[in-house]
Structure formats: C-alpha cells, structure tokens
C-alpha cells in the first residue's frame, strides 16, 4: 500500500491523505473543509477503483468555485497515476 498526501487548491480543505493499492483507493482523510461531508466521501470511495472515483467526482464544483473537495480528490488520484 502506498500513502499519498495532496495539497488541495481552491477549497476549504487544505490536504487529502489517502492510500492506494492495486488501482484502488483507501483511507481517504481530508484536512479542513466540511468534516461530516468529507468523512462521508471517504467512506463512499473506500476500496473503489481509482478510475471509477475520478469519473464520478472529477469536475464537481462548489458554489462559484471551479473546483470542490470531491474534484480535488479526483485531481489527487489523477496525479498518482502519473507518478
């Protein structure tokens, strides 16, 4: 299992910590942001295929922002595929 830390951009949360193994995501924890909602997102994506999570969460916006915490998770997962 590989641990990742991603510094978010343009959201209330400041970081996302998560693990990946066999193209699946685990242990998602957001630092800052809407605590209950972000815990829920972590539970919903636990053990899911990275590409599926990117497909579902990528592009979600928050109010007038061009991104959101779910979108930032998708961005973080895309970055791990590039590494």
C-alpha atoms as a PDB file:
ATOM      1  CA  UNK A   1       0.000   0.000   0.000  1.00  0.00           C
ATOM      2  CA  UNK A   2       1.316   3.457  -0.930  1.00  0.00           C
ATOM      3  CA  UNK A   3       0.453   6.538   1.147  1.00  0.00           C
ATOM      4  CA  UNK A   4      -0.177   9.886  -0.565  1.00  0.00           C
ATOM      5  CA  UNK A   5      -0.598  13.470   0.606  1.00  0.00           C
ATOM      6  CA  UNK A   6      -2.115  16.011  -1.773  1.00  0.00           C
ATOM      7  CA  UNK A   7      -2.196  19.771  -1.118  1.00  0.00           C
ATOM      8  CA  UNK A   8      -5.592  20.971  -2.326  1.00  0.00           C
ATOM      9  CA  UNK A   9      -6.113  24.140  -4.359  1.00  0.00           C
ATOM     10  CA  UNK A  10      -9.175  26.401  -4.218  1.00  0.00           C
ATOM     11  CA  UNK A  11     -11.083  24.554  -1.480  1.00  0.00           C
ATOM     12  CA  UNK A  12     -11.758  24.874   2.231  1.00  0.00           C
ATOM     13  CA  UNK A  13      -9.875  21.644   2.838  1.00  0.00           C
ATOM     14  CA  UNK A  14      -6.102  22.044   2.707  1.00  0.00           C
ATOM     15  CA  UNK A  15      -4.858  18.470   2.249  1.00  0.00           C
ATOM     16  CA  UNK A  16      -6.051  14.999   1.363  1.00  0.00           C
ATOM     17  CA  UNK A  17      -4.344  11.913   2.769  1.00  0.00           C
ATOM     18  CA  UNK A  18      -5.068   8.545   1.165  1.00  0.00           C
ATOM     19  CA  UNK A  19      -3.599   5.165   0.305  1.00  0.00           C
ATOM     20  CA  UNK A  20      -3.615   3.291  -2.987  1.00  0.00           C
ATOM     21  CA  UNK A  21      -3.050  -0.333  -3.827  1.00  0.00           C
ATOM     22  CA  UNK A  22      -3.913  -2.347  -6.952  1.00  0.00           C
ATOM     23  CA  UNK A  23      -5.601   0.705  -8.563  1.00  0.00           C
ATOM     24  CA  UNK A  24      -7.945   1.117  -5.571  1.00  0.00           C
ATOM     25  CA  UNK A  25      -8.199   3.934  -3.028  1.00  0.00           C
ATOM     26  CA  UNK A  26      -8.291   3.528   0.774  1.00  0.00           C
ATOM     27  CA  UNK A  27      -8.208   5.564   4.000  1.00  0.00           C
ATOM     28  CA  UNK A  28      -9.233   8.922   2.493  1.00  0.00           C
ATOM     29  CA  UNK A  29      -8.957  11.736   5.032  1.00  0.00           C
ATOM     30  CA  UNK A  30      -9.451  15.422   4.266  1.00  0.00           C
ATOM     31  CA  UNK A  31      -7.799  18.085   6.417  1.00  0.00           C
ATOM     32  CA  UNK A  32     -10.171  21.031   6.932  1.00  0.00           C
ATOM     33  CA  UNK A  33     -13.380  21.555   4.990  1.00  0.00           C
ATOM     34  CA  UNK A  34     -16.861  20.262   5.836  1.00  0.00           C
ATOM     35  CA  UNK A  35     -15.952  17.489   8.247  1.00  0.00           C
ATOM     36  CA  UNK A  36     -19.073  15.311   8.063  1.00  0.00           C
ATOM     37  CA  UNK A  37     -19.476  15.506   4.303  1.00  0.00           C
ATOM     38  CA  UNK A  38     -15.811  14.766   3.684  1.00  0.00           C
ATOM     39  CA  UNK A  39     -15.849  11.787   6.058  1.00  0.00           C
ATOM     40  CA  UNK A  40     -18.830  10.546   4.040  1.00  0.00           C
ATOM     41  CA  UNK A  41     -16.928  10.879   0.772  1.00  0.00           C
ATOM     42  CA  UNK A  42     -14.056   8.899   2.290  1.00  0.00           C
ATOM     43  CA  UNK A  43     -16.427   6.081   3.277  1.00  0.00           C
ATOM     44  CA  UNK A  44     -18.145   6.069  -0.128  1.00  0.00           C
ATOM     45  CA  UNK A  45     -14.904   5.705  -2.099  1.00  0.00           C
ATOM     46  CA  UNK A  46     -13.234   3.196   0.263  1.00  0.00           C
ATOM     47  CA  UNK A  47     -11.932   0.259  -1.800  1.00  0.00           C
ATOM     48  CA  UNK A  48     -13.220   1.712  -5.080  1.00  0.00           C
ATOM     49  CA  UNK A  49     -11.344   1.623  -8.373  1.00  0.00           C
ATOM     50  CA  UNK A  50      -9.346   4.837  -8.879  1.00  0.00           C
ATOM     51  CA  UNK A  51     -10.670   5.363 -12.415  1.00  0.00           C
ATOM     52  CA  UNK A  52     -14.261   4.990 -11.202  1.00  0.00           C
ATOM     53  CA  UNK A  53     -13.713   7.584  -8.453  1.00  0.00           C
ATOM     54  CA  UNK A  54     -12.106  10.001 -10.925  1.00  0.00           C
ATOM     55  CA  UNK A  55     -15.003   9.537 -13.332  1.00  0.00           C
ATOM     56  CA  UNK A  56     -17.648  10.168 -10.665  1.00  0.00           C
ATOM     57  CA  UNK A  57     -16.020  13.037  -8.748  1.00  0.00           C
ATOM     58  CA  UNK A  58     -13.970  14.878 -11.369  1.00  0.00           C
ATOM     59  CA  UNK A  59     -15.408  18.216 -12.421  1.00  0.00           C
ATOM     60  CA  UNK A  60     -17.730  18.743  -9.438  1.00  0.00           C
ATOM     61  CA  UNK A  61     -17.804  22.421  -8.443  1.00  0.00           C
ATOM     62  CA  UNK A  62     -18.641  24.107  -5.130  1.00  0.00           C
ATOM     63  CA  UNK A  63     -20.743  27.271  -5.235  1.00  0.00           C
ATOM     64  CA  UNK A  64     -18.929  29.714  -7.546  1.00  0.00           C
ATOM     65  CA  UNK A  65     -15.589  27.888  -7.365  1.00  0.00           C
ATOM     66  CA  UNK A  66     -14.286  25.955 -10.361  1.00  0.00           C
ATOM     67  CA  UNK A  67     -13.389  23.005  -8.115  1.00  0.00           C
ATOM     68  CA  UNK A  68     -14.569  21.257  -4.956  1.00  0.00           C
ATOM     69  CA  UNK A  69     -13.235  18.840  -2.364  1.00  0.00           C
ATOM     70  CA  UNK A  70     -14.516  15.833  -4.375  1.00  0.00           C
ATOM     71  CA  UNK A  71     -12.921  17.277  -7.536  1.00  0.00           C
ATOM     72  CA  UNK A  72      -9.663  17.774  -5.656  1.00  0.00           C
ATOM     73  CA  UNK A  73      -9.723  14.096  -4.663  1.00  0.00           C
ATOM     74  CA  UNK A  74     -10.147  13.226  -8.341  1.00  0.00           C
ATOM     75  CA  UNK A  75      -7.214  15.531  -9.169  1.00  0.00           C
ATOM     76  CA  UNK A  76      -5.096  13.863  -6.484  1.00  0.00           C
ATOM     77  CA  UNK A  77      -5.904  10.412  -7.848  1.00  0.00           C
ATOM     78  CA  UNK A  78      -5.040  11.509 -11.387  1.00  0.00           C
ATOM     79  CA  UNK A  79      -1.691  12.736 -10.103  1.00  0.00           C
ATOM     80  CA  UNK A  80      -0.941   9.352  -8.524  1.00  0.00           C
ATOM     81  CA  UNK A  81      -1.489   7.676 -11.888  1.00  0.00           C
ATOM     82  CA  UNK A  82       1.173   9.970 -13.389  1.00  0.00           C
ATOM     83  CA  UNK A  83       3.751   9.050 -10.724  1.00  0.00           C
END
